Amino acid sequence: MTPSATDTAAPTEADLAIADELGMALVRLNRVQACIAGHASRNGGLDKSSFILLATLVGQGPTRSSALAEAVHSDPSTISRQVAQLVKDGLVERRADPVDGRATLLAATDTGLELLKLHRHRRNGAIAGMVADWAAEDRRLFVELLSRFAGDYEDYMPIAIAEFNRQGSSEEGNH
């Protein structure tokens, strides 16, 4: 069950201070990831959105475009443009849906699978190098806590989106 914003008490000042520290750490992480992704993309790698789409297709198997958009929490028109580029690059192919011949499924090509495998290998090597001097139990705890945070973030996303939409609607009414 997805939590509701009303299910918990208002955060304390200490809670907000910790949240701010975490938020700023995420900003730093996103900034570094964007820099690395830019370099990777310019040097034959995958940009962030292509990696996400390709990894999702590999994880889910052949998928309709609408289901892919839902899986990555994106707009179908945005996915359509990104998939068109992946098809053009030979990383994704369109296949007839065996259940409904009128529909098409998107699937990673062998080239797409190999590029994704290479990208993940490079990423994993870099991360392993970054945390090589951490104790094994610290690495395991970090993975556990980060995975938990990511899951909670995904579960909370509908609440956050509804709050942004509510705030945006009330701000539009004030103009």
Protein backbone atom coordinates (compact mmCIF):
# COMPACT_ATOMS: atom_id res chain seq x y z
CA MET A 1 0.00 0.00 0.00
CA THR A 2 1.30 3.43 -0.91
CA PRO A 3 1.67 5.73 2.08
CA SER A 4 -0.34 8.90 2.27
CA ALA A 5 0.99 12.30 3.26
CA THR A 6 -1.57 12.26 6.07
CA ASP A 7 -0.41 8.87 7.44
CA THR A 8 2.48 10.38 9.38
CA ALA A 9 3.01 13.31 11.70
CA ALA A 10 4.54 16.51 10.37
CA PRO A 11 8.33 16.28 10.17
CA THR A 12 10.33 17.87 12.94
CA GLU A 13 13.10 20.42 12.36
CA ALA A 14 15.63 17.62 12.89
CA ASP A 15 13.82 15.48 10.28
CA LEU A 16 13.90 18.37 7.82
CA ALA A 17 17.60 19.00 8.47
CA ILE A 18 18.43 15.35 7.70
CA ALA A 19 16.18 15.49 4.63
CA ASP A 20 18.04 18.60 3.46
CA GLU A 21 21.40 16.86 3.86
CA LEU A 22 20.11 13.87 1.91
CA GLY A 23 18.60 16.13 -0.74
CA MET A 24 21.86 18.00 -1.20
CA ALA A 25 23.80 14.71 -1.41
CA LEU A 26 21.37 13.62 -4.15
CA VAL A 27 21.94 16.91 -6.00
CA ARG A 28 25.70 16.29 -5.89
CA LEU A 29 25.21 12.69 -7.06
CA ASN A 30 22.94 13.75 -9.93
CA ARG A 31 25.41 16.44 -11.00
CA VAL A 32 28.27 13.92 -11.14
CA GLN A 33 26.11 11.33 -12.91
CA ALA A 34 25.07 13.91 -15.53
CA CYS A 35 28.72 14.78 -16.16
CA ILE A 36 29.74 11.14 -16.54
CA ALA A 37 26.69 10.35 -18.69
CA GLY A 38 27.56 13.24 -21.00
CA HIS A 39 31.08 11.95 -21.49
CA ALA A 40 29.84 8.38 -21.99
CA SER A 41 27.28 9.49 -24.56
CA ARG A 42 29.87 11.45 -26.54
CA ASN A 43 32.21 8.45 -26.53
CA GLY A 44 29.94 5.72 -27.87
CA GLY A 45 28.13 4.92 -24.63
CA LEU A 46 24.52 5.34 -23.64
CA ASP A 47 22.95 8.52 -22.36
CA LYS A 48 20.94 8.20 -19.16
CA SER A 49 17.48 7.96 -20.76
CA SER A 50 18.66 5.41 -23.33
CA PHE A 51 20.23 3.31 -20.59
CA ILE A 52 17.02 3.39 -18.55
CA LEU A 53 14.84 2.42 -21.52
CA LEU A 54 17.18 -0.33 -22.69
CA ALA A 55 17.64 -1.75 -19.19
CA THR A 56 13.87 -1.72 -18.67
CA LEU A 57 13.26 -3.51 -21.97
CA VAL A 58 15.86 -6.13 -21.10
CA GLY A 59 14.39 -6.58 -17.62
CA GLN A 60 10.76 -6.79 -18.77
CA GLY A 61 11.28 -8.44 -22.12
CA PRO A 62 9.43 -7.31 -25.24
CA THR A 63 7.05 -4.55 -24.19
CA ARG A 64 4.49 -2.24 -25.72
CA SER A 65 5.49 1.41 -25.85
CA SER A 66 2.70 2.41 -23.46
CA ALA A 67 3.84 -0.17 -20.89
CA LEU A 68 7.44 1.03 -21.25
CA ALA A 69 6.34 4.63 -20.63
CA GLU A 70 4.47 3.52 -17.52
CA ALA A 71 7.40 1.45 -16.27
CA VAL A 72 9.80 4.41 -16.47
CA HIS A 73 7.21 6.95 -15.27
CA SER A 74 7.39 9.00 -18.43
CA ASP A 75 5.11 10.54 -21.01
CA PRO A 76 4.28 8.24 -23.96
CA SER A 77 5.21 10.93 -26.51
CA THR A 78 8.64 11.35 -24.90
CA ILE A 79 9.16 7.58 -24.94
CA SER A 80 8.11 7.45 -28.58
CA ARG A 81 10.82 9.95 -29.58
CA GLN A 82 13.48 8.22 -27.49
CA VAL A 83 12.54 4.77 -28.81
CA ALA A 84 12.66 6.06 -32.39
CA GLN A 85 16.29 7.04 -31.82
CA LEU A 86 17.10 3.67 -30.22
CA VAL A 87 15.53 1.92 -33.22
CA LYS A 88 17.49 4.15 -35.61
CA ASP A 89 20.69 3.30 -33.69
CA GLY A 90 19.93 -0.42 -33.99
CA LEU A 91 19.62 -0.93 -30.22
CA VAL A 92 15.87 -1.64 -30.16
CA GLU A 93 13.58 -3.27 -32.68
CA ARG A 94 9.84 -3.31 -33.21
CA ARG A 95 8.16 -6.72 -33.37
CA ALA A 96 4.61 -7.78 -34.09
CA ASP A 97 2.73 -8.63 -30.91
CA PRO A 98 1.95 -12.37 -31.12
CA VAL A 99 -1.24 -11.82 -29.09
CA ASP A 100 -2.49 -8.82 -31.08
CA GLY A 101 -0.98 -8.57 -34.57
CA ARG A 102 -2.11 -4.94 -34.85
CA ALA A 103 0.16 -3.91 -31.97
CA THR A 104 3.94 -3.83 -31.81
CA LEU A 105 6.34 -4.76 -29.08
CA LEU A 106 9.69 -3.13 -28.43
CA ALA A 107 12.67 -5.38 -27.74
CA ALA A 108 16.39 -4.89 -27.30
CA THR A 109 18.48 -6.11 -30.23
CA ASP A 110 21.64 -8.15 -29.80
CA THR A 111 23.59 -4.92 -30.35
CA GLY A 112 21.52 -3.20 -27.66
CA LEU A 113 22.09 -6.09 -25.25
CA GLU A 114 25.85 -5.98 -25.83
CA LEU A 115 26.04 -2.21 -25.38
CA LEU A 116 23.96 -2.42 -22.20
CA LYS A 117 26.22 -5.22 -20.91
CA LEU A 118 29.33 -3.14 -21.67
CA HIS A 119 27.83 -0.03 -20.03
CA ARG A 120 26.88 -1.97 -16.89
CA HIS A 121 30.33 -3.60 -16.75
CA ARG A 122 32.04 -0.20 -16.92
CA ARG A 123 29.64 1.30 -14.38
CA ASN A 124 30.05 -1.62 -11.99
CA GLY A 125 33.84 -1.44 -12.26
CA ALA A 126 33.80 2.28 -11.50
CA ILE A 127 31.50 1.85 -8.49
CA ALA A 128 33.54 -1.08 -7.17
CA GLY A 129 36.64 1.11 -7.41
CA MET A 130 34.95 4.00 -5.61
CA VAL A 131 34.00 1.89 -2.61
CA ALA A 132 36.97 -0.49 -2.66
CA ASP A 133 38.35 0.87 0.61
CA TRP A 134 34.99 0.52 2.40
CA ALA A 135 34.54 -2.42 4.73
CA ALA A 136 32.46 -5.20 3.16
CA GLU A 137 29.73 -4.75 5.78
CA ASP A 138 29.57 -0.99 5.00
CA ARG A 139 29.13 -1.70 1.28
CA ARG A 140 26.38 -4.23 2.02
CA LEU A 141 24.61 -1.83 4.43
CA PHE A 142 24.83 1.02 1.91
CA VAL A 143 23.27 -1.15 -0.82
CA GLU A 144 20.52 -2.23 1.57
CA LEU A 145 19.72 1.32 2.70
CA LEU A 146 19.96 2.84 -0.79
CA SER A 147 17.69 0.10 -2.18
CA ARG A 148 15.23 0.74 0.62
CA PHE A 149 15.36 4.50 -0.06
CA ALA A 150 14.81 3.95 -3.80
CA GLY A 151 11.81 1.71 -3.11
CA ASP A 152 10.31 4.22 -0.67
CA TYR A 153 10.96 7.01 -3.18
CA GLU A 154 9.11 5.06 -5.89
CA ASP A 155 6.23 4.33 -3.51
CA TYR A 156 6.01 7.99 -2.50
CA MET A 157 6.17 9.29 -6.07
CA PRO A 158 2.37 9.45 -6.65
CA ILE A 159 2.00 11.53 -3.47
CA ALA A 160 4.81 13.87 -4.52
CA ILE A 161 3.34 14.28 -7.99
CA ALA A 162 -0.12 14.98 -6.58
CA GLU A 163 1.39 17.57 -4.22
CA PHE A 164 3.29 19.28 -7.07
CA ASN A 165 0.14 19.30 -9.18
CA ARG A 166 -1.90 20.72 -6.28
CA GLN A 167 0.68 23.42 -5.62
CA GLY A 168 0.89 24.25 -9.32
CA SER A 169 -2.89 24.56 -9.58
CA SER A 170 -3.11 26.84 -6.56
CA GLU A 171 -0.25 29.02 -7.86
CA GLU A 172 -1.95 29.36 -11.27
CA GLY A 173 -5.11 30.52 -9.52
CA ASN A 174 -3.14 33.26 -7.74
CA HIS A 175 -2.00 34.96 -10.95
